[in-house]
Amino acid sequence: MRAFLALNLNKEIKNKYSDILRINENTAELKKVSKNKMHITLVFFDNIKEEQIELIKEKVINSSPAPFNINFENISYFTNKFKDINVIFVKAVSEELESYVKTLRENLNNIENLKYDKKDFKSHITLARVKRVYDNKKLKEKIEEINDLDFTPLSFTAHSITLYSSDFVNYTEIVTINF
């Protein structure tokens, strides 16, 4: 099954950032992330087996830090190979989070045949995937305008991590571990 480990966000963060993007449809077509699905992905697993779930849970427990703070700094974006924006997100900053993910991934490496996405971790909350860009320059300008006029930096304390199963449309909680 496809699965991922994520930090869940509190209602204040979700409420503040879920509707902040107001992009003209002549600039880009967006697929926004619904408020109830907002989170910070830590590890994405390609295909885990049922018997690996307990091993993952054990590694998460062994890696768990004390609760830690995360600051949300601004809206930013990832680009594709053509330099078009393809994901718009809220940048999350926390040295504790970076350290935790590094330790967590090191511990997960000890699970035999466990495959996960090993790309560099970039802490963020995805707000939208960009389906089509009509004017990349205007889209970048609009993101900067939102940062200047509408964005409010917030912070949040992470207390737990959740393992979700995922199909391409929905995801379901398997287990939540508090720390």
N, C-alpha and C. Protein backbone atom coordinates (compact mmCIF):
# COMPACT_ATOMS: atom_id res chain seq x y z
N MET A 1 0.85 -1.18 0.00
CA MET A 1 0.00 0.00 0.00
C MET A 1 0.89 1.24 0.00
N ARG A 2 0.43 2.29 -0.65
CA ARG A 2 1.12 3.58 -0.58
C ARG A 2 0.81 4.18 0.79
N ALA A 3 1.81 4.83 1.38
CA ALA A 3 1.59 5.39 2.71
C ALA A 3 2.55 6.56 2.94
N PHE A 4 2.25 7.35 3.98
CA PHE A 4 3.15 8.43 4.34
C PHE A 4 3.04 8.74 5.82
N LEU A 5 4.14 9.30 6.36
CA LEU A 5 4.16 9.80 7.72
C LEU A 5 4.02 11.30 7.65
N ALA A 6 3.17 11.86 8.53
CA ALA A 6 2.92 13.31 8.48
C ALA A 6 2.67 13.88 9.86
N LEU A 7 2.93 15.19 9.95
CA LEU A 7 2.53 15.95 11.12
C LEU A 7 1.18 16.59 10.82
N ASN A 8 0.24 16.38 11.71
CA ASN A 8 -1.06 17.03 11.55
C ASN A 8 -0.98 18.45 12.08
N LEU A 9 -1.80 19.31 11.54
CA LEU A 9 -1.80 20.73 11.91
C LEU A 9 -3.03 21.06 12.74
N ASN A 10 -2.91 22.09 13.55
CA ASN A 10 -4.07 22.49 14.34
C ASN A 10 -5.04 23.32 13.49
N LYS A 11 -6.24 23.56 14.04
CA LYS A 11 -7.28 24.27 13.28
C LYS A 11 -6.88 25.69 12.94
N GLU A 12 -6.16 26.37 13.83
CA GLU A 12 -5.75 27.75 13.57
C GLU A 12 -4.91 27.83 12.30
N ILE A 13 -3.94 26.94 12.16
CA ILE A 13 -3.07 26.94 10.98
C ILE A 13 -3.90 26.63 9.73
N LYS A 14 -4.71 25.59 9.82
CA LYS A 14 -5.54 25.21 8.66
C LYS A 14 -6.49 26.32 8.25
N ASN A 15 -7.14 26.93 9.23
CA ASN A 15 -8.09 28.02 8.93
C ASN A 15 -7.39 29.22 8.30
N LYS A 16 -6.22 29.56 8.80
CA LYS A 16 -5.52 30.75 8.33
C LYS A 16 -5.01 30.59 6.90
N TYR A 17 -4.49 29.39 6.59
CA TYR A 17 -3.81 29.22 5.30
C TYR A 17 -4.63 28.52 4.22
N SER A 18 -5.75 27.92 4.57
CA SER A 18 -6.48 27.12 3.58
C SER A 18 -7.07 27.94 2.43
N ASP A 19 -7.46 29.19 2.70
CA ASP A 19 -8.10 30.01 1.66
C ASP A 19 -7.28 31.23 1.27
N ILE A 20 -5.99 31.22 1.56
CA ILE A 20 -5.17 32.40 1.31
C ILE A 20 -4.88 32.61 -0.18
N LEU A 21 -4.90 31.53 -0.96
CA LEU A 21 -4.61 31.65 -2.40
C LEU A 21 -5.82 32.12 -3.17
N ARG A 22 -5.70 33.27 -3.77
CA ARG A 22 -6.73 33.78 -4.66
C ARG A 22 -6.03 34.12 -5.97
N ILE A 23 -6.00 33.13 -6.84
CA ILE A 23 -5.29 33.23 -8.11
C ILE A 23 -6.31 33.26 -9.24
N ASN A 24 -6.20 34.25 -10.10
CA ASN A 24 -7.09 34.37 -11.25
C ASN A 24 -6.94 33.16 -12.16
N GLU A 25 -8.05 32.61 -12.61
CA GLU A 25 -7.99 31.41 -13.46
C GLU A 25 -7.33 31.68 -14.81
N ASN A 26 -7.17 32.95 -15.19
CA ASN A 26 -6.43 33.26 -16.42
C ASN A 26 -4.92 33.19 -16.21
N THR A 27 -4.50 33.13 -14.95
CA THR A 27 -3.08 33.03 -14.61
C THR A 27 -2.66 31.57 -14.47
N ALA A 28 -3.48 30.78 -13.76
CA ALA A 28 -3.16 29.36 -13.56
C ALA A 28 -4.39 28.60 -13.09
N GLU A 29 -4.42 27.31 -13.40
CA GLU A 29 -5.44 26.40 -12.88
C GLU A 29 -4.83 25.67 -11.69
N LEU A 30 -5.49 25.79 -10.53
CA LEU A 30 -4.97 25.18 -9.31
C LEU A 30 -5.87 24.06 -8.83
N LYS A 31 -5.26 23.06 -8.22
CA LYS A 31 -6.00 22.04 -7.48
C LYS A 31 -5.62 22.26 -6.02
N LYS A 32 -6.48 22.97 -5.30
CA LYS A 32 -6.18 23.32 -3.91
C LYS A 32 -6.35 22.11 -3.00
N VAL A 33 -5.53 22.08 -1.95
CA VAL A 33 -5.63 21.05 -0.93
C VAL A 33 -6.74 21.47 0.03
N SER A 34 -7.66 20.57 0.29
CA SER A 34 -8.76 20.92 1.20
C SER A 34 -8.23 21.08 2.63
N LYS A 35 -8.91 21.92 3.38
CA LYS A 35 -8.49 22.27 4.74
C LYS A 35 -8.27 21.03 5.60
N ASN A 36 -9.17 20.05 5.50
CA ASN A 36 -9.06 18.88 6.37
C ASN A 36 -7.92 17.94 5.98
N LYS A 37 -7.29 18.17 4.82
CA LYS A 37 -6.17 17.32 4.39
C LYS A 37 -4.81 18.00 4.52
N MET A 38 -4.77 19.19 5.07
CA MET A 38 -3.50 19.90 5.20
C MET A 38 -2.63 19.24 6.28
N HIS A 39 -1.35 19.07 5.98
CA HIS A 39 -0.40 18.42 6.88
C HIS A 39 1.02 18.72 6.39
N ILE A 40 2.01 18.25 7.12
CA ILE A 40 3.40 18.31 6.68
C ILE A 40 3.88 16.87 6.50
N THR A 41 4.15 16.49 5.26
CA THR A 41 4.65 15.14 4.98
C THR A 41 6.11 15.04 5.37
N LEU A 42 6.43 13.97 6.11
CA LEU A 42 7.81 13.74 6.54
C LEU A 42 8.49 12.66 5.70
N VAL A 43 7.75 11.59 5.44
CA VAL A 43 8.28 10.47 4.66
C VAL A 43 7.15 9.91 3.81
N PHE A 44 7.44 9.69 2.53
CA PHE A 44 6.45 9.07 1.64
C PHE A 44 6.95 7.68 1.24
N PHE A 45 6.14 6.66 1.53
CA PHE A 45 6.50 5.28 1.21
C PHE A 45 5.85 4.87 -0.10
N ASP A 46 6.62 4.21 -0.93
CA ASP A 46 6.11 3.78 -2.22
C ASP A 46 5.12 2.63 -2.08
N ASN A 47 5.51 1.62 -1.37
CA ASN A 47 4.67 0.43 -1.28
C ASN A 47 5.06 -0.36 -0.04
N ILE A 48 4.31 -0.17 1.04
CA ILE A 48 4.64 -0.91 2.26
C ILE A 48 3.73 -2.13 2.40
N LYS A 49 4.27 -3.12 3.08
CA LYS A 49 3.51 -4.34 3.36
C LYS A 49 2.91 -4.22 4.76
N GLU A 50 1.82 -4.93 4.98
CA GLU A 50 1.14 -4.90 6.28
C GLU A 50 2.11 -5.20 7.42
N GLU A 51 3.00 -6.18 7.22
CA GLU A 51 3.93 -6.57 8.29
C GLU A 51 4.98 -5.48 8.59
N GLN A 52 5.14 -4.52 7.69
CA GLN A 52 6.10 -3.44 7.92
C GLN A 52 5.51 -2.32 8.79
N ILE A 53 4.19 -2.29 8.94
CA ILE A 53 3.55 -1.22 9.70
C ILE A 53 4.04 -1.20 11.14
N GLU A 54 4.11 -2.36 11.80
CA GLU A 54 4.59 -2.41 13.19
C GLU A 54 6.04 -1.98 13.29
N LEU A 55 6.85 -2.36 12.30
CA LEU A 55 8.27 -1.96 12.30
C LEU A 55 8.40 -0.44 12.12
N ILE A 56 7.58 0.12 11.25
CA ILE A 56 7.59 1.58 11.05
C ILE A 56 7.16 2.27 12.35
N LYS A 57 6.10 1.77 12.96
CA LYS A 57 5.61 2.33 14.22
C LYS A 57 6.72 2.30 15.28
N GLU A 58 7.43 1.19 15.39
CA GLU A 58 8.53 1.05 16.35
C GLU A 58 9.63 2.09 16.07
N LYS A 59 9.98 2.27 14.81
CA LYS A 59 11.03 3.24 14.45
C LYS A 59 10.58 4.67 14.74
N VAL A 60 9.31 4.95 14.52
CA VAL A 60 8.77 6.29 14.82
C VAL A 60 8.85 6.54 16.33
N ILE A 61 8.45 5.56 17.12
CA ILE A 61 8.49 5.70 18.58
C ILE A 61 9.94 5.91 19.04
N ASN A 62 10.86 5.13 18.49
CA ASN A 62 12.27 5.23 18.88
C ASN A 62 12.91 6.55 18.43
N SER A 63 12.34 7.19 17.44
CA SER A 63 12.88 8.45 16.91
C SER A 63 12.23 9.68 17.53
N SER A 64 11.13 9.48 18.24
CA SER A 64 10.29 10.60 18.66
C SER A 64 11.01 11.55 19.61
N PRO A 65 10.96 12.83 19.28
CA PRO A 65 11.55 13.86 20.14
C PRO A 65 10.52 14.36 21.15
N ALA A 66 10.92 15.36 21.92
CA ALA A 66 9.94 16.10 22.72
C ALA A 66 9.14 16.96 21.74
N PRO A 67 7.94 17.40 22.11
CA PRO A 67 7.21 18.32 21.22
C PRO A 67 8.11 19.48 20.82
N PHE A 68 7.95 19.93 19.58
CA PHE A 68 8.81 21.00 19.07
C PHE A 68 8.01 22.01 18.27
N ASN A 69 8.58 23.20 18.14
CA ASN A 69 7.90 24.31 17.48
C ASN A 69 8.27 24.39 16.00
N ILE A 70 7.30 24.77 15.17
CA ILE A 70 7.50 24.98 13.74
C ILE A 70 6.98 26.37 13.42
N ASN A 71 7.76 27.15 12.70
CA ASN A 71 7.35 28.48 12.27
C ASN A 71 6.99 28.45 10.79
N PHE A 72 5.92 29.15 10.44
CA PHE A 72 5.49 29.25 9.05
C PHE A 72 5.84 30.65 8.57
N GLU A 73 6.74 30.73 7.58
CA GLU A 73 7.37 32.00 7.21
C GLU A 73 6.72 32.74 6.05
N ASN A 74 6.35 32.03 5.00
CA ASN A 74 5.80 32.70 3.82
C ASN A 74 5.25 31.66 2.85
N ILE A 75 4.66 32.17 1.78
CA ILE A 75 4.22 31.29 0.70
C ILE A 75 5.34 31.22 -0.32
N SER A 76 5.60 30.03 -0.79
CA SER A 76 6.64 29.82 -1.79
C SER A 76 6.15 28.79 -2.79
N TYR A 77 7.06 28.27 -3.61
CA TYR A 77 6.65 27.32 -4.65
C TYR A 77 7.81 26.46 -5.10
N PHE A 78 7.45 25.31 -5.66
CA PHE A 78 8.40 24.45 -6.36
C PHE A 78 8.14 24.65 -7.85
N THR A 79 9.18 24.42 -8.65
CA THR A 79 9.02 24.52 -10.10
C THR A 79 9.38 23.20 -10.77
N ASN A 80 8.89 23.05 -11.99
CA ASN A 80 9.24 21.87 -12.78
C ASN A 80 10.50 22.16 -13.60
N LYS A 81 10.87 21.23 -14.45
CA LYS A 81 12.10 21.39 -15.23
C LYS A 81 12.03 22.55 -16.22
N PHE A 82 10.83 23.04 -16.50
CA PHE A 82 10.66 24.18 -17.40
C PHE A 82 10.60 25.50 -16.63
N LYS A 83 10.81 25.42 -15.31
CA LYS A 83 10.77 26.59 -14.40
C LYS A 83 9.36 27.13 -14.18
N ASP A 84 8.34 26.35 -14.58
CA ASP A 84 6.96 26.72 -14.28
C ASP A 84 6.62 26.26 -12.86
N ILE A 85 5.86 27.07 -12.16
CA ILE A 85 5.43 26.70 -10.81
C ILE A 85 4.51 25.48 -10.91
N ASN A 86 4.79 24.46 -10.07
CA ASN A 86 3.91 23.29 -10.08
C ASN A 86 3.32 22.96 -8.71
N VAL A 87 3.88 23.53 -7.65
CA VAL A 87 3.32 23.36 -6.30
C VAL A 87 3.47 24.68 -5.56
N ILE A 88 2.41 25.11 -4.89
CA ILE A 88 2.44 26.32 -4.06
C ILE A 88 2.27 25.87 -2.61
N PHE A 89 3.12 26.40 -1.72
CA PHE A 89 3.12 25.91 -0.35
C PHE A 89 3.45 27.01 0.65
N VAL A 90 3.20 26.71 1.93
CA VAL A 90 3.64 27.55 3.03
C VAL A 90 4.95 26.95 3.53
N LYS A 91 5.99 27.77 3.57
CA LYS A 91 7.30 27.32 4.03
C LYS A 91 7.28 27.16 5.55
N ALA A 92 7.71 25.99 6.01
CA ALA A 92 7.78 25.69 7.43
C ALA A 92 9.24 25.60 7.84
N VAL A 93 9.58 26.23 8.96
CA VAL A 93 10.97 26.29 9.40
C VAL A 93 11.09 25.80 10.84
N SER A 94 12.00 24.82 11.05
CA SER A 94 12.25 24.31 12.39
C SER A 94 13.50 23.44 12.36
N GLU A 95 14.50 23.84 13.12
CA GLU A 95 15.72 23.01 13.21
C GLU A 95 15.39 21.67 13.84
N GLU A 96 14.49 21.66 14.83
CA GLU A 96 14.10 20.41 15.48
C GLU A 96 13.42 19.47 14.49
N LEU A 97 12.59 20.01 13.62
CA LEU A 97 11.92 19.19 12.62
C LEU A 97 12.95 18.59 11.66
N GLU A 98 13.87 19.41 11.18
CA GLU A 98 14.92 18.92 10.26
C GLU A 98 15.70 17.78 10.92
N SER A 99 16.08 17.97 12.16
CA SER A 99 16.84 16.96 12.89
C SER A 99 16.01 15.69 13.09
N TYR A 100 14.74 15.87 13.44
CA TYR A 100 13.85 14.73 13.65
C TYR A 100 13.70 13.90 12.37
N VAL A 101 13.48 14.55 11.25
CA VAL A 101 13.30 13.82 9.99
C VAL A 101 14.59 13.07 9.63
N LYS A 102 15.73 13.68 9.86
CA LYS A 102 17.00 13.00 9.58
C LYS A 102 17.13 11.74 10.43
N THR A 103 16.86 11.85 11.73
CA THR A 103 16.93 10.70 12.64
C THR A 103 15.91 9.64 12.25
N LEU A 104 14.69 10.08 11.96
CA LEU A 104 13.62 9.16 11.58
C LEU A 104 14.01 8.37 10.33
N ARG A 105 14.51 9.05 9.32
CA ARG A 105 14.90 8.37 8.08
C ARG A 105 16.07 7.40 8.31
N GLU A 106 17.01 7.79 9.14
CA GLU A 106 18.11 6.88 9.47
C GLU A 106 17.57 5.61 10.12
N ASN A 107 16.62 5.75 11.02
CA ASN A 107 16.02 4.58 11.67
C ASN A 107 15.19 3.75 10.71
N LEU A 108 14.50 4.40 9.79
CA LEU A 108 13.70 3.65 8.81
C LEU A 108 14.60 2.85 7.85
N ASN A 109 15.81 3.33 7.63
CA ASN A 109 16.73 2.61 6.75
C ASN A 109 17.06 1.22 7.27
N ASN A 110 16.80 0.96 8.55
CA ASN A 110 17.09 -0.35 9.15
C ASN A 110 15.98 -1.37 8.92
N ILE A 111 14.89 -0.95 8.29
CA ILE A 111 13.80 -1.89 7.99
C ILE A 111 14.07 -2.50 6.62
N GLU A 112 14.21 -3.81 6.60
CA GLU A 112 14.54 -4.52 5.36
C GLU A 112 13.46 -4.33 4.30
N ASN A 113 13.90 -4.03 3.09
CA ASN A 113 13.04 -3.89 1.91
C ASN A 113 12.02 -2.76 2.00
N LEU A 114 12.25 -1.81 2.88
CA LEU A 114 11.35 -0.65 2.97
C LEU A 114 11.82 0.42 1.99
N LYS A 115 10.93 0.79 1.10
CA LYS A 115 11.26 1.81 0.10
C LYS A 115 10.49 3.08 0.40
N TYR A 116 11.23 4.20 0.41
CA TYR A 116 10.59 5.49 0.60
C TYR A 116 11.32 6.53 -0.23
N ASP A 117 10.65 7.65 -0.44
CA ASP A 117 11.21 8.75 -1.22
C ASP A 117 12.34 9.39 -0.42
N LYS A 118 13.55 9.34 -0.96
CA LYS A 118 14.72 9.83 -0.24
C LYS A 118 15.18 11.20 -0.72
N LYS A 119 14.30 11.90 -1.44
CA LYS A 119 14.63 13.28 -1.83
C LYS A 119 14.89 14.12 -0.59
N ASP A 120 15.67 15.18 -0.78
CA ASP A 120 15.92 16.10 0.33
C ASP A 120 14.60 16.56 0.91
N PHE A 121 14.54 16.60 2.24
CA PHE A 121 13.34 17.03 2.93
C PHE A 121 13.23 18.55 2.87
N LYS A 122 12.08 19.03 2.39
CA LYS A 122 11.78 20.47 2.37
C LYS A 122 10.47 20.66 3.11
N SER A 123 10.57 21.15 4.31
CA SER A 123 9.42 21.26 5.20
C SER A 123 8.42 22.29 4.68
N HIS A 124 7.17 21.85 4.46
CA HIS A 124 6.16 22.75 3.91
C HIS A 124 4.75 22.17 4.09
N ILE A 125 3.77 23.05 3.93
CA ILE A 125 2.36 22.67 3.84
C ILE A 125 1.93 22.94 2.41
N THR A 126 1.58 21.92 1.67
CA THR A 126 1.11 22.14 0.30
C THR A 126 -0.25 22.82 0.34
N LEU A 127 -0.36 23.93 -0.40
CA LEU A 127 -1.64 24.64 -0.52
C LEU A 127 -2.35 24.25 -1.81
N ALA A 128 -1.57 24.06 -2.88
CA ALA A 128 -2.19 23.73 -4.18
C ALA A 128 -1.15 23.12 -5.12
N ARG A 129 -1.65 22.26 -5.98
CA ARG A 129 -0.87 21.78 -7.11
C ARG A 129 -1.33 22.58 -8.32
N VAL A 130 -0.39 22.96 -9.14
CA VAL A 130 -0.72 23.77 -10.31
C VAL A 130 -0.94 22.83 -11.48
N LYS A 131 -2.17 22.78 -11.96
CA LYS A 131 -2.50 21.89 -13.08
C LYS A 131 -2.02 22.47 -14.40
N ARG A 132 -2.15 23.79 -14.55
CA ARG A 132 -1.75 24.45 -15.79
C ARG A 132 -1.40 25.90 -15.49
N VAL A 133 -0.27 26.34 -16.02
CA VAL A 133 0.16 27.73 -15.86
C VAL A 133 -0.05 28.46 -17.18
N TYR A 134 -0.76 29.58 -17.12
CA TYR A 134 -0.97 30.40 -18.31
C TYR A 134 -0.01 31.58 -18.34
N ASP A 135 0.36 32.07 -17.14
CA ASP A 135 1.28 33.20 -17.06
C ASP A 135 2.13 33.03 -15.79
N ASN A 136 3.30 32.41 -15.95
CA ASN A 136 4.16 32.10 -14.81
C ASN A 136 4.63 33.36 -14.09
N LYS A 137 4.92 34.41 -14.85
CA LYS A 137 5.38 35.67 -14.26
C LYS A 137 4.29 36.27 -13.37
N LYS A 138 3.06 36.30 -13.87
CA LYS A 138 1.94 36.84 -13.08
C LYS A 138 1.69 35.98 -11.84
N LEU A 139 1.84 34.68 -11.98
CA LEU A 139 1.63 33.79 -10.84
C LEU A 139 2.66 34.08 -9.75
N LYS A 140 3.92 34.25 -10.13
CA LYS A 140 4.97 34.60 -9.15
C LYS A 140 4.66 35.96 -8.50
N GLU A 141 4.24 36.91 -9.31
CA GLU A 141 3.90 38.24 -8.77
C GLU A 141 2.74 38.15 -7.78
N LYS A 142 1.74 37.34 -8.09
CA LYS A 142 0.58 37.19 -7.21
C LYS A 142 0.99 36.55 -5.89
N ILE A 143 1.87 35.57 -5.94
CA ILE A 143 2.35 34.94 -4.71
C ILE A 143 3.09 35.97 -3.85
N GLU A 144 3.91 36.78 -4.47
CA GLU A 144 4.62 37.85 -3.73
C GLU A 144 3.63 38.85 -3.13
N GLU A 145 2.60 39.18 -3.88
CA GLU A 145 1.57 40.11 -3.39
C GLU A 145 0.85 39.51 -2.17
N ILE A 146 0.52 38.24 -2.23
CA ILE A 146 -0.13 37.57 -1.10
C ILE A 146 0.80 37.61 0.12
N ASN A 147 2.08 37.34 -0.10
CA ASN A 147 3.05 37.41 1.01
C ASN A 147 3.09 38.80 1.61
N ASP A 148 3.09 39.81 0.77
CA ASP A 148 3.19 41.19 1.25
C ASP A 148 1.93 41.68 1.95
N LEU A 149 0.77 41.29 1.44
CA LEU A 149 -0.48 41.87 1.92
C LEU A 149 -1.30 40.97 2.84
N ASP A 150 -1.27 39.67 2.60
CA ASP A 150 -2.21 38.77 3.28
C ASP A 150 -1.58 37.74 4.21
N PHE A 151 -0.32 37.44 4.03
CA PHE A 151 0.28 36.34 4.79
C PHE A 151 0.58 36.76 6.22
N THR A 152 0.20 35.90 7.16
CA THR A 152 0.50 36.11 8.57
C THR A 152 1.39 34.96 9.04
N PRO A 153 2.62 35.25 9.46
CA PRO A 153 3.46 34.17 10.00
C PRO A 153 2.84 33.63 11.29
N LEU A 154 2.76 32.33 11.39
CA LEU A 154 2.25 31.68 12.59
C LEU A 154 3.25 30.62 13.03
N SER A 155 3.05 30.09 14.24
CA SER A 155 3.85 28.96 14.67
C SER A 155 2.93 27.92 15.28
N PHE A 156 3.46 26.73 15.45
CA PHE A 156 2.66 25.61 15.90
C PHE A 156 3.58 24.61 16.58
N THR A 157 3.09 23.95 17.61
CA THR A 157 3.88 22.94 18.30
C THR A 157 3.42 21.56 17.86
N ALA A 158 4.36 20.78 17.33
CA ALA A 158 4.08 19.41 16.89
C ALA A 158 4.12 18.49 18.10
N HIS A 159 3.07 17.68 18.25
CA HIS A 159 2.96 16.76 19.39
C HIS A 159 2.84 15.31 18.95
N SER A 160 2.63 15.08 17.64
CA SER A 160 2.39 13.70 17.20
C SER A 160 2.72 13.55 15.72
N ILE A 161 2.86 12.30 15.33
CA ILE A 161 3.09 11.94 13.93
C ILE A 161 2.08 10.84 13.58
N THR A 162 1.57 10.89 12.35
CA THR A 162 0.55 9.93 11.93
C THR A 162 1.02 9.20 10.68
N LEU A 163 0.78 7.89 10.66
CA LEU A 163 1.00 7.08 9.47
C LEU A 163 -0.34 6.95 8.76
N TYR A 164 -0.36 7.33 7.49
CA TYR A 164 -1.57 7.25 6.67
C TYR A 164 -1.36 6.28 5.53
N SER A 165 -2.42 5.55 5.18
CA SER A 165 -2.42 4.83 3.91
C SER A 165 -2.98 5.80 2.88
N SER A 166 -2.59 5.62 1.63
CA SER A 166 -2.95 6.60 0.62
C SER A 166 -3.24 5.93 -0.71
N ASP A 167 -4.41 6.26 -1.27
CA ASP A 167 -4.58 5.97 -2.69
C ASP A 167 -4.41 7.33 -3.36
N PHE A 168 -4.66 7.46 -4.59
CA PHE A 168 -4.34 8.72 -5.25
C PHE A 168 -5.36 9.83 -4.97
N VAL A 169 -6.45 9.51 -4.26
CA VAL A 169 -7.49 10.49 -4.00
C VAL A 169 -7.62 10.77 -2.50
N ASN A 170 -7.68 9.73 -1.69
CA ASN A 170 -7.92 9.88 -0.26
C ASN A 170 -6.80 9.24 0.55
N TYR A 171 -6.77 9.59 1.83
CA TYR A 171 -5.88 8.87 2.72
C TYR A 171 -6.59 8.60 4.03
N THR A 172 -6.13 7.53 4.71
CA THR A 172 -6.77 7.05 5.91
C THR A 172 -5.74 6.86 7.01
N GLU A 173 -6.07 7.31 8.20
CA GLU A 173 -5.15 7.16 9.33
C GLU A 173 -5.00 5.69 9.69
N ILE A 174 -3.74 5.26 9.84
CA ILE A 174 -3.45 3.91 10.31
C ILE A 174 -3.14 3.96 11.81
N VAL A 175 -2.23 4.87 12.19
CA VAL A 175 -1.86 5.00 13.60
C VAL A 175 -1.29 6.40 13.84
N THR A 176 -1.57 6.96 15.02
CA THR A 176 -0.98 8.23 15.44
C THR A 176 -0.16 7.97 16.69
N ILE A 177 1.05 8.53 16.71
CA ILE A 177 1.96 8.36 17.83
C ILE A 177 2.25 9.73 18.43
N ASN A 178 1.95 9.90 19.72
CA ASN A 178 2.22 11.17 20.40
C ASN A 178 3.64 11.19 20.94
N PHE A 179 4.20 12.38 21.01
CA PHE A 179 5.53 12.52 21.64
C PHE A 179 5.56 13.76 22.51
